[in-house]
């Protein structure tokens, strides 16, 4: 999901692709933001590249 957000998709587009609600995406992305220590979607790609998706 974080990779999809980093690629520029909106929460609604991600929700449609994953067959979940937009609020589910918002909930999980907020947890991703906290875990990675970021405040913007633009930072996701660089953090995932630096730490790897499994970190």
C-alpha atoms as a PDB file:
ATOM      1  CA  UNK A   1       0.000   0.000   0.000  1.00  0.00           C
ATOM      2  CA  UNK A   2       2.801   2.439   0.824  1.00  0.00           C
ATOM      3  CA  UNK A   3       4.404   1.706  -2.532  1.00  0.00           C
ATOM      4  CA  UNK A   4       1.126   2.554  -4.280  1.00  0.00           C
ATOM      5  CA  UNK A   5       0.910   5.829  -2.355  1.00  0.00           C
ATOM      6  CA  UNK A   6       4.516   6.627  -3.239  1.00  0.00           C
ATOM      7  CA  UNK A   7       3.739   6.025  -6.908  1.00  0.00           C
ATOM      8  CA  UNK A   8       1.247   8.896  -6.793  1.00  0.00           C
ATOM      9  CA  UNK A   9      -2.073   7.102  -6.469  1.00  0.00           C
ATOM     10  CA  UNK A  10      -4.772   8.721  -4.351  1.00  0.00           C
ATOM     11  CA  UNK A  11      -6.286   6.975  -1.342  1.00  0.00           C
ATOM     12  CA  UNK A  12      -9.437   6.302  -3.369  1.00  0.00           C
ATOM     13  CA  UNK A  13      -7.439   4.736  -6.206  1.00  0.00           C
ATOM     14  CA  UNK A  14      -5.492   2.557  -3.774  1.00  0.00           C
ATOM     15  CA  UNK A  15      -8.715   1.480  -2.036  1.00  0.00           C
ATOM     16  CA  UNK A  16     -10.254   0.482  -5.363  1.00  0.00           C
ATOM     17  CA  UNK A  17      -7.214  -1.597  -6.343  1.00  0.00           C
ATOM     18  CA  UNK A  18      -7.090  -3.362  -2.967  1.00  0.00           C
ATOM     19  CA  UNK A  19     -10.873  -3.805  -2.598  1.00  0.00           C
ATOM     20  CA  UNK A  20     -11.014  -1.960   0.737  1.00  0.00           C
ATOM     21  CA  UNK A  21     -12.514   1.337   1.904  1.00  0.00           C
ATOM     22  CA  UNK A  22     -10.794   4.688   1.681  1.00  0.00           C
ATOM     23  CA  UNK A  23     -10.902   4.976   5.471  1.00  0.00           C
ATOM     24  CA  UNK A  24      -8.951   1.702   5.717  1.00  0.00           C
ATOM     25  CA  UNK A  25      -6.256   3.182   3.490  1.00  0.00           C
ATOM     26  CA  UNK A  26      -6.170   6.379   5.561  1.00  0.00           C
ATOM     27  CA  UNK A  27      -5.836   4.382   8.784  1.00  0.00           C
ATOM     28  CA  UNK A  28      -2.992   2.223   7.527  1.00  0.00           C
ATOM     29  CA  UNK A  29      -1.121   5.052   5.807  1.00  0.00           C
ATOM     30  CA  UNK A  30      -1.204   7.055   9.040  1.00  0.00           C
ATOM     31  CA  UNK A  31       0.466   4.095  10.754  1.00  0.00           C
ATOM     32  CA  UNK A  32       3.042   3.896   7.945  1.00  0.00           C
ATOM     33  CA  UNK A  33       3.770   7.620   8.378  1.00  0.00           C
ATOM     34  CA  UNK A  34       4.332   7.162  12.115  1.00  0.00           C
ATOM     35  CA  UNK A  35       6.489   4.070  11.693  1.00  0.00           C
ATOM     36  CA  UNK A  36       8.678   5.685   9.029  1.00  0.00           C
ATOM     37  CA  UNK A  37       8.812   9.020  10.877  1.00  0.00           C
ATOM     38  CA  UNK A  38       7.498  11.028   7.927  1.00  0.00           C
ATOM     39  CA  UNK A  39       4.854  13.708   7.461  1.00  0.00           C
ATOM     40  CA  UNK A  40       4.268  13.690   3.704  1.00  0.00           C
ATOM     41  CA  UNK A  41       3.420  11.199   0.969  1.00  0.00           C
ATOM     42  CA  UNK A  42       6.378  12.563  -0.974  1.00  0.00           C
ATOM     43  CA  UNK A  43       8.711  11.141   1.668  1.00  0.00           C
ATOM     44  CA  UNK A  44       7.429   7.556   1.421  1.00  0.00           C
ATOM     45  CA  UNK A  45       9.477   6.598  -1.625  1.00  0.00           C
ATOM     46  CA  UNK A  46      12.772   7.802  -0.249  1.00  0.00           C
ATOM     47  CA  UNK A  47      12.160   6.143   3.136  1.00  0.00           C
ATOM     48  CA  UNK A  48      11.155   2.825   1.572  1.00  0.00           C
ATOM     49  CA  UNK A  49      14.218   2.950  -0.654  1.00  0.00           C
ATOM     50  CA  UNK A  50      16.452   3.687   2.327  1.00  0.00           C
ATOM     51  CA  UNK A  51      14.983   1.143   4.741  1.00  0.00           C
ATOM     52  CA  UNK A  52      13.393  -1.425   2.443  1.00  0.00           C
ATOM     53  CA  UNK A  53       9.748  -2.440   2.633  1.00  0.00           C
ATOM     54  CA  UNK A  54      10.389  -5.143   5.213  1.00  0.00           C
ATOM     55  CA  UNK A  55      12.181  -2.943   7.723  1.00  0.00           C
END
